[in-house]
């Protein structure tokens, strides 16, 4: 099934994930379109692809095609031991004017049974594996953080009613095999994020600002233990 406009999402991998086309910022564009589809599943791992072309408002995100984990969420950070993930991806085509990121988007709340980007959201934590064409996260850089052997640029800001932290890789990472829990450990120890916060949503995808691309994920998995 190829997602174009409506429906904007579909269940994947026996409902472990929801694949979302998520055209939330399309009204900024002067023109554009996007399609997203699952291409293969293998147990708890899957492959997927998104194709898009967007024009206009080059500093505004147009969409966030993503996989949204639906298993294991709603736990307080203090009870999570690990968040192992693998993500093998590549741009199989790009325009010369592409501005986009490839990122995890993780949401925290005081309320277990809530969702990201709502009035119940308290923190948004992004992990950028790629920043093409000068793409940058919300807020300002406040330092660096050494996590899992990588020196990440750390940005801090406010979006809506929640605080956002973004970890940006120094160079593009197209083969990512890691544990996301140490990112939260860092925020708890160094940025005052309470360990009582609930992890209510865990997404991974791409945010295009402008340009055209095909992004292909050959293998993706994540679990919350």
N, C-alpha and C. Protein backbone atom coordinates (compact mmCIF):
# COMPACT_ATOMS: atom_id res chain seq x y z
N UNK A 1 0.84 -1.20 0.00
CA UNK A 1 0.00 0.00 0.00
C UNK A 1 0.88 1.25 0.00
N UNK A 2 0.66 2.15 -0.94
CA UNK A 2 1.38 3.42 -1.00
C UNK A 2 0.50 4.49 -0.39
N UNK A 3 1.01 5.18 0.64
CA UNK A 3 0.27 6.25 1.28
C UNK A 3 0.54 7.55 0.55
N UNK A 4 -0.50 8.21 0.09
CA UNK A 4 -0.35 9.50 -0.58
C UNK A 4 -0.94 10.61 0.30
N UNK A 5 -2.24 10.66 0.41
CA UNK A 5 -2.87 11.68 1.24
C UNK A 5 -3.74 11.02 2.31
N UNK A 6 -4.88 10.48 1.93
CA UNK A 6 -5.76 9.83 2.89
C UNK A 6 -6.04 8.41 2.41
N UNK A 7 -5.92 7.39 3.33
CA UNK A 7 -5.52 7.54 4.72
C UNK A 7 -4.05 7.95 4.84
N UNK A 8 -3.73 8.61 5.95
CA UNK A 8 -2.39 9.16 6.15
C UNK A 8 -1.46 8.20 6.87
N UNK A 9 -1.95 6.99 7.21
CA UNK A 9 -1.13 6.03 7.94
C UNK A 9 -1.63 4.62 7.68
N UNK A 10 -0.79 3.64 8.03
CA UNK A 10 -1.18 2.25 7.94
C UNK A 10 -0.42 1.45 8.97
N UNK A 11 -1.03 0.36 9.47
CA UNK A 11 -0.35 -0.53 10.39
C UNK A 11 0.71 -1.33 9.65
N UNK A 12 1.80 -1.66 10.36
CA UNK A 12 2.88 -2.40 9.75
C UNK A 12 3.48 -3.37 10.77
N UNK A 13 4.03 -4.47 10.26
CA UNK A 13 4.68 -5.48 11.09
C UNK A 13 3.76 -5.93 12.22
N UNK A 14 2.56 -6.43 11.83
CA UNK A 14 1.57 -6.93 12.79
C UNK A 14 1.22 -5.89 13.85
N UNK A 15 1.08 -4.66 13.40
CA UNK A 15 0.67 -3.52 14.24
C UNK A 15 1.74 -3.11 15.26
N UNK A 16 2.97 -3.62 15.10
CA UNK A 16 4.07 -3.14 15.94
C UNK A 16 4.37 -1.67 15.66
N UNK A 17 4.21 -1.28 14.40
CA UNK A 17 4.44 0.09 13.97
C UNK A 17 3.21 0.64 13.27
N UNK A 18 3.12 1.95 13.24
CA UNK A 18 2.25 2.65 12.31
C UNK A 18 3.14 3.44 11.37
N UNK A 19 2.98 3.22 10.08
CA UNK A 19 3.70 4.00 9.09
C UNK A 19 2.88 5.25 8.79
N UNK A 20 3.49 6.41 8.96
CA UNK A 20 2.77 7.67 8.80
C UNK A 20 3.38 8.49 7.66
N UNK A 21 2.54 9.01 6.77
CA UNK A 21 3.01 9.92 5.73
C UNK A 21 3.18 11.33 6.31
N UNK A 22 2.30 11.74 7.20
CA UNK A 22 2.38 12.93 8.04
C UNK A 22 2.80 14.20 7.28
N UNK A 23 1.86 14.77 6.58
CA UNK A 23 2.10 15.99 5.80
C UNK A 23 1.78 17.25 6.61
N UNK A 24 2.23 17.27 7.85
CA UNK A 24 1.78 18.30 8.79
C UNK A 24 2.16 19.72 8.37
N UNK A 25 3.27 19.90 7.62
CA UNK A 25 3.69 21.25 7.24
C UNK A 25 3.50 21.57 5.77
N UNK A 26 2.67 20.78 5.08
CA UNK A 26 2.52 20.97 3.63
C UNK A 26 1.95 22.33 3.26
N UNK A 27 1.21 22.96 4.19
CA UNK A 27 0.61 24.27 3.87
C UNK A 27 1.67 25.36 3.71
N UNK A 28 2.92 25.10 4.15
CA UNK A 28 4.01 26.05 3.92
C UNK A 28 4.48 26.01 2.47
N UNK A 29 4.24 24.89 1.78
CA UNK A 29 4.80 24.70 0.44
C UNK A 29 4.01 25.45 -0.63
N UNK A 30 4.72 25.92 -1.64
CA UNK A 30 4.05 26.48 -2.81
C UNK A 30 3.59 25.37 -3.75
N UNK A 31 4.28 24.23 -3.68
CA UNK A 31 3.87 23.03 -4.42
C UNK A 31 4.60 21.84 -3.82
N UNK A 32 4.07 20.64 -4.09
CA UNK A 32 4.77 19.46 -3.60
C UNK A 32 3.86 18.27 -3.38
N UNK A 33 4.49 17.13 -3.16
CA UNK A 33 3.76 15.89 -2.89
C UNK A 33 4.71 14.90 -2.23
N UNK A 34 4.12 13.86 -1.65
CA UNK A 34 4.92 12.84 -0.95
C UNK A 34 4.15 11.53 -0.91
N UNK A 35 4.86 10.42 -1.10
CA UNK A 35 4.29 9.09 -0.94
C UNK A 35 5.21 8.26 -0.06
N UNK A 36 4.62 7.34 0.69
CA UNK A 36 5.39 6.53 1.64
C UNK A 36 4.81 5.13 1.65
N UNK A 37 5.69 4.12 1.73
CA UNK A 37 5.20 2.74 1.75
C UNK A 37 6.18 1.81 2.43
N UNK A 38 5.64 0.75 3.05
CA UNK A 38 6.44 -0.38 3.54
C UNK A 38 6.78 -1.25 2.35
N UNK A 39 8.04 -1.66 2.26
CA UNK A 39 8.47 -2.49 1.14
C UNK A 39 8.72 -3.94 1.51
N UNK A 40 8.99 -4.22 2.81
CA UNK A 40 9.20 -5.60 3.24
C UNK A 40 9.16 -5.66 4.76
N UNK A 41 8.76 -6.82 5.29
CA UNK A 41 8.81 -7.05 6.73
C UNK A 41 9.51 -8.37 7.00
N UNK A 42 10.22 -8.42 8.13
CA UNK A 42 10.93 -9.63 8.54
C UNK A 42 10.91 -9.69 10.06
N UNK A 43 9.88 -10.32 10.62
CA UNK A 43 9.73 -10.33 12.07
C UNK A 43 9.46 -8.93 12.58
N UNK A 44 10.31 -8.47 13.52
CA UNK A 44 10.16 -7.12 14.08
C UNK A 44 10.95 -6.08 13.31
N UNK A 45 11.56 -6.48 12.21
CA UNK A 45 12.31 -5.55 11.37
C UNK A 45 11.54 -5.32 10.07
N UNK A 46 11.67 -4.12 9.53
CA UNK A 46 11.00 -3.86 8.26
C UNK A 46 11.79 -2.87 7.40
N UNK A 47 11.39 -2.80 6.14
CA UNK A 47 11.96 -1.88 5.17
C UNK A 47 10.86 -0.96 4.67
N UNK A 48 11.23 0.29 4.38
CA UNK A 48 10.21 1.22 3.90
C UNK A 48 10.88 2.31 3.07
N UNK A 49 10.06 3.06 2.36
CA UNK A 49 10.58 4.08 1.45
C UNK A 49 9.63 5.27 1.40
N UNK A 50 10.20 6.45 1.27
CA UNK A 50 9.40 7.64 1.04
C UNK A 50 10.00 8.44 -0.11
N UNK A 51 9.12 9.00 -0.94
CA UNK A 51 9.52 9.85 -2.07
C UNK A 51 8.77 11.17 -1.95
N UNK A 52 9.50 12.27 -2.14
CA UNK A 52 8.84 13.57 -2.01
C UNK A 52 9.50 14.60 -2.90
N UNK A 53 8.74 15.64 -3.17
CA UNK A 53 9.26 16.85 -3.80
C UNK A 53 8.51 18.03 -3.22
N UNK A 54 9.25 19.02 -2.71
CA UNK A 54 8.64 20.17 -2.07
C UNK A 54 9.33 21.46 -2.54
N UNK A 55 8.54 22.52 -2.69
CA UNK A 55 9.06 23.82 -3.08
C UNK A 55 8.47 24.89 -2.18
N UNK A 56 9.24 25.98 -2.00
CA UNK A 56 8.77 27.09 -1.21
C UNK A 56 9.16 27.01 0.26
N UNK A 57 9.22 28.16 0.92
CA UNK A 57 9.48 28.26 2.37
C UNK A 57 10.59 27.32 2.81
N UNK A 58 11.84 27.54 2.36
CA UNK A 58 12.93 26.59 2.61
C UNK A 58 13.35 26.44 4.07
N UNK A 59 12.85 27.29 4.96
CA UNK A 59 13.18 27.14 6.38
C UNK A 59 12.09 26.43 7.18
N UNK A 60 11.03 25.99 6.49
CA UNK A 60 9.92 25.31 7.16
C UNK A 60 9.85 23.84 6.78
N UNK A 61 9.70 22.97 7.78
CA UNK A 61 9.51 21.54 7.54
C UNK A 61 8.15 21.32 6.89
N UNK A 62 8.11 20.45 5.88
CA UNK A 62 6.87 20.19 5.16
C UNK A 62 6.15 18.92 5.64
N UNK A 63 6.92 17.95 6.15
CA UNK A 63 6.30 16.67 6.48
C UNK A 63 7.25 15.87 7.38
N UNK A 64 6.75 14.76 7.86
CA UNK A 64 7.59 13.83 8.63
C UNK A 64 7.11 12.40 8.37
N UNK A 65 7.49 11.85 7.22
CA UNK A 65 7.22 10.43 6.96
C UNK A 65 7.99 9.62 8.00
N UNK A 66 7.28 8.73 8.71
CA UNK A 66 7.95 8.06 9.83
C UNK A 66 7.30 6.74 10.19
N UNK A 67 8.07 5.94 10.92
CA UNK A 67 7.55 4.76 11.58
C UNK A 67 7.35 5.09 13.05
N UNK A 68 6.17 4.80 13.56
CA UNK A 68 5.77 5.12 14.93
C UNK A 68 5.61 3.81 15.70
N UNK A 69 6.50 3.55 16.66
CA UNK A 69 6.45 2.32 17.45
C UNK A 69 5.23 2.32 18.35
N UNK A 70 4.50 1.20 18.39
CA UNK A 70 3.29 1.11 19.20
C UNK A 70 3.40 0.08 20.31
N UNK A 71 4.56 -0.54 20.48
CA UNK A 71 4.75 -1.60 21.47
C UNK A 71 5.79 -1.14 22.50
N UNK A 72 5.46 -1.23 23.79
CA UNK A 72 6.41 -0.93 24.84
C UNK A 72 6.43 0.52 25.29
N UNK A 73 5.62 1.37 24.69
CA UNK A 73 5.61 2.78 25.07
C UNK A 73 4.77 2.98 26.34
N UNK A 74 4.86 4.20 26.91
CA UNK A 74 4.11 4.51 28.12
C UNK A 74 4.83 4.14 29.41
N UNK A 75 6.13 3.86 29.33
CA UNK A 75 6.90 3.50 30.52
C UNK A 75 7.67 4.73 31.03
N UNK A 76 7.87 4.83 32.36
CA UNK A 76 8.74 5.90 32.86
C UNK A 76 10.20 5.61 32.49
N UNK A 77 10.97 6.65 32.27
CA UNK A 77 12.38 6.46 31.90
C UNK A 77 13.12 5.63 32.94
N UNK A 78 12.75 5.79 34.21
CA UNK A 78 13.44 5.08 35.29
C UNK A 78 13.31 3.56 35.18
N UNK A 79 12.27 3.08 34.48
CA UNK A 79 12.06 1.64 34.38
C UNK A 79 12.57 1.06 33.06
N UNK A 80 13.05 1.91 32.17
CA UNK A 80 13.55 1.44 30.87
C UNK A 80 15.02 1.12 30.98
N UNK A 81 15.39 -0.11 30.64
CA UNK A 81 16.78 -0.55 30.73
C UNK A 81 17.56 -0.26 29.46
N UNK A 82 16.90 -0.43 28.31
CA UNK A 82 17.58 -0.21 27.04
C UNK A 82 16.56 0.05 25.94
N UNK A 83 17.02 0.71 24.88
CA UNK A 83 16.19 0.95 23.70
C UNK A 83 17.05 0.60 22.48
N UNK A 84 17.28 -0.69 22.23
CA UNK A 84 18.13 -1.06 21.09
C UNK A 84 17.44 -0.76 19.76
N UNK A 85 18.23 -0.28 18.82
CA UNK A 85 17.69 0.06 17.50
C UNK A 85 18.74 -0.14 16.43
N UNK A 86 18.29 -0.50 15.25
CA UNK A 86 19.13 -0.52 14.06
C UNK A 86 18.39 0.23 12.96
N UNK A 87 19.15 0.98 12.17
CA UNK A 87 18.55 1.72 11.06
C UNK A 87 19.56 1.79 9.92
N UNK A 88 19.28 1.06 8.86
CA UNK A 88 20.09 1.08 7.65
C UNK A 88 19.30 1.82 6.57
N UNK A 89 19.82 2.95 6.09
CA UNK A 89 19.06 3.76 5.16
C UNK A 89 20.00 4.43 4.17
N UNK A 90 19.43 4.95 3.08
CA UNK A 90 20.21 5.67 2.08
C UNK A 90 19.30 6.54 1.25
N UNK A 91 19.83 7.66 0.76
CA UNK A 91 19.16 8.43 -0.28
C UNK A 91 19.46 7.76 -1.61
N UNK A 92 18.45 7.28 -2.30
CA UNK A 92 18.66 6.65 -3.60
C UNK A 92 18.49 7.65 -4.73
N UNK A 93 17.99 8.85 -4.40
CA UNK A 93 18.00 9.98 -5.34
C UNK A 93 17.80 11.25 -4.54
N UNK A 94 18.44 12.35 -5.00
CA UNK A 94 18.27 13.64 -4.34
C UNK A 94 18.41 14.75 -5.37
N UNK A 95 17.75 15.86 -5.10
CA UNK A 95 17.94 17.06 -5.92
C UNK A 95 19.10 17.88 -5.34
N UNK A 96 19.65 18.76 -6.15
CA UNK A 96 20.80 19.55 -5.69
C UNK A 96 20.44 20.55 -4.61
N UNK A 97 19.15 20.89 -4.49
CA UNK A 97 18.72 21.88 -3.50
C UNK A 97 18.09 21.25 -2.26
N UNK A 98 18.34 19.97 -2.04
CA UNK A 98 17.70 19.27 -0.92
C UNK A 98 18.12 19.86 0.42
N UNK A 99 17.11 20.15 1.25
CA UNK A 99 17.31 20.51 2.65
C UNK A 99 16.43 19.56 3.46
N UNK A 100 17.04 18.71 4.28
CA UNK A 100 16.26 17.69 4.99
C UNK A 100 17.09 17.10 6.13
N UNK A 101 16.39 16.53 7.09
CA UNK A 101 17.06 15.74 8.12
C UNK A 101 16.48 14.33 8.14
N UNK A 102 17.25 13.40 8.71
CA UNK A 102 16.81 12.04 8.99
C UNK A 102 16.97 11.86 10.49
N UNK A 103 15.91 11.51 11.18
CA UNK A 103 15.95 11.62 12.64
C UNK A 103 14.98 10.71 13.37
N UNK A 104 15.36 10.41 14.61
CA UNK A 104 14.42 9.86 15.59
C UNK A 104 13.72 11.03 16.28
N UNK A 105 12.46 10.81 16.64
CA UNK A 105 11.68 11.82 17.35
C UNK A 105 11.00 11.12 18.53
N UNK A 106 11.45 11.42 19.73
CA UNK A 106 11.02 10.73 20.94
C UNK A 106 10.33 11.72 21.87
N UNK A 107 9.18 11.31 22.40
CA UNK A 107 8.32 12.24 23.14
C UNK A 107 8.12 11.80 24.59
N UNK A 108 8.20 12.77 25.50
CA UNK A 108 8.01 12.52 26.92
C UNK A 108 6.80 13.29 27.43
N UNK A 109 6.23 12.78 28.52
CA UNK A 109 5.05 13.42 29.12
C UNK A 109 4.96 13.05 30.59
N UNK A 110 4.23 13.86 31.34
CA UNK A 110 3.89 13.51 32.72
C UNK A 110 2.79 12.46 32.78
N UNK A 111 2.13 12.23 31.65
CA UNK A 111 0.99 11.32 31.57
C UNK A 111 1.32 10.14 30.69
N UNK A 112 1.16 8.93 31.21
CA UNK A 112 1.57 7.73 30.48
C UNK A 112 0.77 7.53 29.20
N UNK A 113 -0.53 7.72 29.28
CA UNK A 113 -1.41 7.43 28.14
C UNK A 113 -1.67 8.69 27.31
N UNK A 114 -0.59 9.29 26.83
CA UNK A 114 -0.73 10.47 25.99
C UNK A 114 0.10 10.27 24.72
N UNK A 115 0.25 11.33 23.94
CA UNK A 115 0.98 11.22 22.68
C UNK A 115 1.85 12.45 22.50
N UNK A 116 2.74 12.39 21.50
CA UNK A 116 3.62 13.50 21.23
C UNK A 116 2.91 14.66 20.55
N UNK A 117 3.52 15.84 20.65
CA UNK A 117 3.02 17.06 20.00
C UNK A 117 1.59 17.39 20.44
N UNK A 118 1.32 17.23 21.73
CA UNK A 118 0.03 17.57 22.31
C UNK A 118 0.25 18.46 23.53
N UNK A 119 -0.84 18.93 24.10
CA UNK A 119 -0.73 19.77 25.29
C UNK A 119 -0.15 19.01 26.48
N UNK A 120 -0.15 17.66 26.40
CA UNK A 120 0.41 16.85 27.48
C UNK A 120 1.91 16.63 27.32
N UNK A 121 2.48 17.05 26.20
CA UNK A 121 3.90 16.84 25.94
C UNK A 121 4.74 17.77 26.82
N UNK A 122 5.83 17.22 27.37
CA UNK A 122 6.74 18.01 28.20
C UNK A 122 8.12 18.16 27.55
N UNK A 123 8.61 17.09 26.90
CA UNK A 123 9.91 17.12 26.23
C UNK A 123 9.83 16.38 24.90
N UNK A 124 10.54 16.93 23.93
CA UNK A 124 10.75 16.26 22.65
C UNK A 124 12.26 16.05 22.51
N UNK A 125 12.66 14.82 22.20
CA UNK A 125 14.08 14.50 22.05
C UNK A 125 14.30 13.97 20.64
N UNK A 126 15.09 14.71 19.86
CA UNK A 126 15.39 14.30 18.50
C UNK A 126 16.84 13.87 18.40
N UNK A 127 17.08 12.84 17.59
CA UNK A 127 18.43 12.35 17.31
C UNK A 127 18.60 12.40 15.80
N UNK A 128 19.39 13.36 15.32
CA UNK A 128 19.56 13.59 13.89
C UNK A 128 20.75 12.77 13.38
N UNK A 129 20.47 11.84 12.49
CA UNK A 129 21.53 11.07 11.84
C UNK A 129 22.04 11.75 10.59
N UNK A 130 21.27 12.71 10.07
CA UNK A 130 21.64 13.41 8.84
C UNK A 130 21.04 14.80 8.85
N UNK A 131 21.81 15.76 8.33
CA UNK A 131 21.33 17.12 8.13
C UNK A 131 21.88 17.61 6.79
N UNK A 132 21.05 17.55 5.76
CA UNK A 132 21.47 17.94 4.41
C UNK A 132 21.08 19.39 4.12
N UNK A 133 21.92 20.07 3.34
CA UNK A 133 21.59 21.38 2.80
C UNK A 133 21.47 22.49 3.81
N UNK A 134 22.10 22.33 4.98
CA UNK A 134 22.01 23.37 6.00
C UNK A 134 20.83 23.23 6.94
N UNK A 135 20.16 22.10 6.92
CA UNK A 135 19.05 21.86 7.85
C UNK A 135 19.56 21.93 9.28
N UNK A 136 18.77 22.54 10.15
CA UNK A 136 19.14 22.65 11.55
C UNK A 136 17.94 22.50 12.45
N UNK A 137 18.15 22.06 13.69
CA UNK A 137 17.03 21.84 14.61
C UNK A 137 16.56 23.12 15.28
N UNK A 138 15.45 23.02 15.98
CA UNK A 138 14.92 24.15 16.74
C UNK A 138 15.86 24.50 17.88
N UNK A 139 15.87 25.77 18.26
CA UNK A 139 16.68 26.20 19.39
C UNK A 139 18.10 26.57 18.98
N UNK A 140 18.98 26.60 19.96
CA UNK A 140 20.38 26.95 19.74
C UNK A 140 21.29 25.87 20.31
N UNK A 141 22.52 25.80 19.77
CA UNK A 141 23.45 24.82 20.28
C UNK A 141 23.95 25.25 21.65
N UNK A 142 23.89 24.32 22.61
CA UNK A 142 24.31 24.61 23.98
C UNK A 142 25.54 23.81 24.38
N UNK A 143 26.08 23.02 23.45
CA UNK A 143 27.27 22.24 23.76
C UNK A 143 27.34 20.99 22.92
N UNK A 144 28.11 20.03 23.39
CA UNK A 144 28.22 18.73 22.76
C UNK A 144 28.02 17.65 23.81
N UNK A 145 27.73 16.45 23.35
CA UNK A 145 27.52 15.32 24.26
C UNK A 145 28.16 14.07 23.65
N UNK A 146 28.98 13.40 24.43
CA UNK A 146 29.62 12.16 23.98
C UNK A 146 28.73 10.99 24.40
N UNK A 147 28.10 10.36 23.41
CA UNK A 147 27.17 9.26 23.70
C UNK A 147 27.42 8.13 22.71
N UNK A 148 27.62 6.95 23.22
CA UNK A 148 27.84 5.75 22.40
C UNK A 148 28.98 5.94 21.39
N UNK A 149 30.04 6.63 21.82
CA UNK A 149 31.21 6.79 20.99
C UNK A 149 31.14 7.87 19.94
N UNK A 150 30.08 8.69 19.95
CA UNK A 150 29.91 9.77 18.99
C UNK A 150 29.80 11.09 19.75
N UNK A 151 30.47 12.14 19.23
CA UNK A 151 30.34 13.48 19.81
C UNK A 151 29.20 14.19 19.07
N UNK A 152 28.06 14.30 19.72
CA UNK A 152 26.87 14.91 19.13
C UNK A 152 26.80 16.38 19.47
N UNK A 153 26.37 17.21 18.54
CA UNK A 153 26.04 18.60 18.83
C UNK A 153 24.69 18.61 19.55
N UNK A 154 24.61 19.33 20.67
CA UNK A 154 23.37 19.36 21.44
C UNK A 154 22.70 20.72 21.30
N UNK A 155 21.43 20.70 20.83
CA UNK A 155 20.62 21.90 20.70
C UNK A 155 19.48 21.86 21.71
N UNK A 156 19.09 23.03 22.17
CA UNK A 156 18.01 23.14 23.16
C UNK A 156 17.10 24.30 22.77
N UNK A 157 15.80 24.08 22.87
CA UNK A 157 14.87 25.13 22.52
C UNK A 157 13.48 24.83 23.04
N UNK A 158 12.51 25.59 22.58
CA UNK A 158 11.11 25.41 22.96
C UNK A 158 10.26 25.41 21.70
N UNK A 159 9.37 24.44 21.60
CA UNK A 159 8.42 24.36 20.50
C UNK A 159 7.04 24.14 21.14
N UNK A 160 6.09 25.01 20.80
CA UNK A 160 4.78 24.86 21.45
C UNK A 160 4.93 25.03 22.95
N UNK A 161 4.42 24.09 23.69
CA UNK A 161 4.47 24.15 25.15
C UNK A 161 5.55 23.24 25.74
N UNK A 162 6.37 22.62 24.89
CA UNK A 162 7.34 21.66 25.39
C UNK A 162 8.77 22.10 25.09
N UNK A 163 9.72 21.55 25.87
CA UNK A 163 11.15 21.75 25.65
C UNK A 163 11.64 20.72 24.65
N UNK A 164 12.54 21.14 23.75
CA UNK A 164 13.08 20.21 22.77
C UNK A 164 14.60 20.16 22.89
N UNK A 165 15.13 18.93 22.91
CA UNK A 165 16.57 18.68 22.85
C UNK A 165 16.85 17.92 21.55
N UNK A 166 17.86 18.35 20.82
CA UNK A 166 18.22 17.68 19.57
C UNK A 166 19.71 17.35 19.58
N UNK A 167 20.01 16.07 19.34
CA UNK A 167 21.37 15.59 19.21
C UNK A 167 21.66 15.44 17.72
N UNK A 168 22.65 16.17 17.21
CA UNK A 168 22.94 16.18 15.78
C UNK A 168 24.30 15.53 15.54
N UNK A 169 24.33 14.49 14.71
CA UNK A 169 25.57 13.77 14.41
C UNK A 169 26.55 14.69 13.69
N UNK A 170 27.86 14.54 13.95
CA UNK A 170 28.86 15.38 13.29
C UNK A 170 28.98 15.12 11.80
N UNK A 171 28.71 13.89 11.38
CA UNK A 171 28.67 13.51 9.97
C UNK A 171 27.51 12.55 9.79
N UNK A 172 27.07 12.40 8.56
CA UNK A 172 25.90 11.57 8.27
C UNK A 172 26.14 10.11 8.67
N UNK A 173 25.17 9.54 9.37
CA UNK A 173 25.23 8.13 9.80
C UNK A 173 24.13 7.37 9.08
N UNK A 174 24.50 6.54 8.11
CA UNK A 174 23.50 5.78 7.34
C UNK A 174 23.36 4.35 7.82
N UNK A 175 24.26 3.92 8.70
CA UNK A 175 24.18 2.59 9.30
C UNK A 175 24.29 2.77 10.80
N UNK A 176 23.14 2.77 11.46
CA UNK A 176 23.07 3.10 12.88
C UNK A 176 22.62 1.87 13.66
N UNK A 177 23.47 1.42 14.57
CA UNK A 177 23.18 0.26 15.42
C UNK A 177 23.56 0.67 16.83
N UNK A 178 22.56 1.00 17.65
CA UNK A 178 22.87 1.65 18.91
C UNK A 178 21.78 1.41 19.94
N UNK A 179 21.95 2.04 21.11
CA UNK A 179 20.98 2.02 22.19
C UNK A 179 20.60 3.47 22.47
N UNK A 180 19.32 3.79 22.43
CA UNK A 180 18.87 5.16 22.63
C UNK A 180 18.76 5.54 24.11
N UNK A 181 18.77 4.57 25.01
CA UNK A 181 18.61 4.92 26.43
C UNK A 181 19.72 5.84 26.94
N UNK A 182 20.99 5.68 26.54
CA UNK A 182 22.02 6.61 27.02
C UNK A 182 21.75 8.08 26.69
N UNK A 183 20.98 8.37 25.63
CA UNK A 183 20.62 9.76 25.35
C UNK A 183 19.74 10.31 26.47
N UNK A 184 18.81 9.49 26.94
CA UNK A 184 17.96 9.91 28.05
C UNK A 184 18.77 9.99 29.35
N UNK A 185 19.69 9.04 29.55
CA UNK A 185 20.53 9.09 30.75
C UNK A 185 21.30 10.41 30.80
N UNK A 186 21.81 10.83 29.64
CA UNK A 186 22.54 12.10 29.58
C UNK A 186 21.63 13.26 29.96
N UNK A 187 20.42 13.29 29.42
CA UNK A 187 19.49 14.39 29.71
C UNK A 187 19.07 14.40 31.17
N UNK A 188 18.93 13.23 31.77
CA UNK A 188 18.59 13.14 33.19
C UNK A 188 19.74 13.68 34.04
N UNK A 189 20.95 13.28 33.70
CA UNK A 189 22.12 13.63 34.51
C UNK A 189 22.61 15.05 34.27
N UNK A 190 22.46 15.56 33.03
CA UNK A 190 23.10 16.83 32.67
C UNK A 190 22.13 17.97 32.35
N UNK A 191 20.87 17.65 32.05
CA UNK A 191 19.93 18.68 31.63
C UNK A 191 18.67 18.76 32.47
N UNK A 192 18.62 18.02 33.56
CA UNK A 192 17.52 18.14 34.51
C UNK A 192 16.21 17.51 34.10
N UNK A 193 16.24 16.61 33.11
CA UNK A 193 15.01 15.92 32.73
C UNK A 193 14.68 14.88 33.80
N UNK A 194 13.50 14.90 34.39
CA UNK A 194 13.16 13.95 35.46
C UNK A 194 13.06 12.51 34.94
N UNK A 195 13.58 11.58 35.69
CA UNK A 195 13.51 10.17 35.29
C UNK A 195 12.10 9.61 35.42
N UNK A 196 11.21 10.39 36.04
CA UNK A 196 9.81 9.97 36.18
C UNK A 196 9.00 10.23 34.92
N UNK A 197 9.59 10.93 33.94
CA UNK A 197 8.89 11.21 32.69
C UNK A 197 8.58 9.91 31.94
N UNK A 198 7.40 9.89 31.30
CA UNK A 198 6.99 8.72 30.54
C UNK A 198 7.39 8.89 29.07
N UNK A 199 7.94 7.82 28.49
CA UNK A 199 8.22 7.79 27.05
C UNK A 199 6.93 7.37 26.35
N UNK A 200 6.27 8.31 25.68
CA UNK A 200 4.93 8.04 25.16
C UNK A 200 4.89 7.86 23.64
N UNK A 201 5.98 8.20 22.95
CA UNK A 201 5.99 8.01 21.51
C UNK A 201 7.44 7.92 21.04
N UNK A 202 7.69 7.00 20.09
CA UNK A 202 9.04 6.80 19.55
C UNK A 202 8.93 6.64 18.04
N UNK A 203 9.33 7.68 17.33
CA UNK A 203 9.21 7.72 15.88
C UNK A 203 10.60 7.83 15.23
N UNK A 204 10.66 7.47 13.97
CA UNK A 204 11.89 7.64 13.19
C UNK A 204 11.51 7.90 11.75
N UNK A 205 12.12 8.94 11.15
CA UNK A 205 11.74 9.27 9.79
C UNK A 205 12.56 10.41 9.24
N UNK A 206 11.98 11.18 8.34
CA UNK A 206 12.70 12.26 7.69
C UNK A 206 11.84 13.51 7.58
N UNK A 207 12.48 14.66 7.81
CA UNK A 207 11.82 15.96 7.71
C UNK A 207 12.42 16.72 6.52
N UNK A 208 11.73 16.81 5.40
CA UNK A 208 12.20 17.65 4.30
C UNK A 208 11.74 19.09 4.47
N UNK A 209 12.64 20.01 4.17
CA UNK A 209 12.32 21.44 4.14
C UNK A 209 12.01 21.87 2.71
N UNK A 210 12.89 21.48 1.78
CA UNK A 210 12.68 21.78 0.37
C UNK A 210 13.51 20.83 -0.47
N UNK A 211 13.14 20.67 -1.75
CA UNK A 211 13.86 19.78 -2.64
C UNK A 211 13.15 18.46 -2.85
N UNK A 212 13.83 17.56 -3.55
CA UNK A 212 13.25 16.26 -3.90
C UNK A 212 14.21 15.15 -3.49
N UNK A 213 13.65 14.02 -3.06
CA UNK A 213 14.49 12.88 -2.68
C UNK A 213 13.67 11.62 -2.61
N UNK A 214 14.38 10.51 -2.72
CA UNK A 214 13.85 9.19 -2.37
C UNK A 214 14.73 8.65 -1.26
N UNK A 215 14.13 8.39 -0.11
CA UNK A 215 14.85 7.84 1.02
C UNK A 215 14.40 6.41 1.24
N UNK A 216 15.36 5.48 1.20
CA UNK A 216 15.06 4.06 1.29
C UNK A 216 15.68 3.47 2.55
N UNK A 217 14.85 2.90 3.40
CA UNK A 217 15.31 2.16 4.58
C UNK A 217 15.29 0.68 4.25
N UNK A 218 16.46 0.05 4.29
CA UNK A 218 16.54 -1.38 3.98
C UNK A 218 16.32 -2.26 5.20
N UNK A 219 16.54 -1.69 6.40
CA UNK A 219 16.31 -2.46 7.62
C UNK A 219 16.14 -1.50 8.80
N UNK A 220 15.05 -1.68 9.55
CA UNK A 220 14.80 -0.86 10.72
C UNK A 220 14.17 -1.69 11.83
N UNK A 221 14.66 -1.50 13.04
CA UNK A 221 14.05 -2.14 14.20
C UNK A 221 14.30 -1.29 15.43
N UNK A 222 13.42 -1.41 16.40
CA UNK A 222 13.57 -0.72 17.67
C UNK A 222 12.74 -1.46 18.71
N UNK A 223 13.20 -1.46 19.95
CA UNK A 223 12.46 -2.08 21.05
C UNK A 223 12.70 -1.26 22.31
N UNK A 224 11.73 -1.28 23.21
CA UNK A 224 11.87 -0.61 24.50
C UNK A 224 11.84 -1.70 25.57
N UNK A 225 12.97 -1.87 26.24
CA UNK A 225 13.11 -2.94 27.24
C UNK A 225 13.12 -2.37 28.66
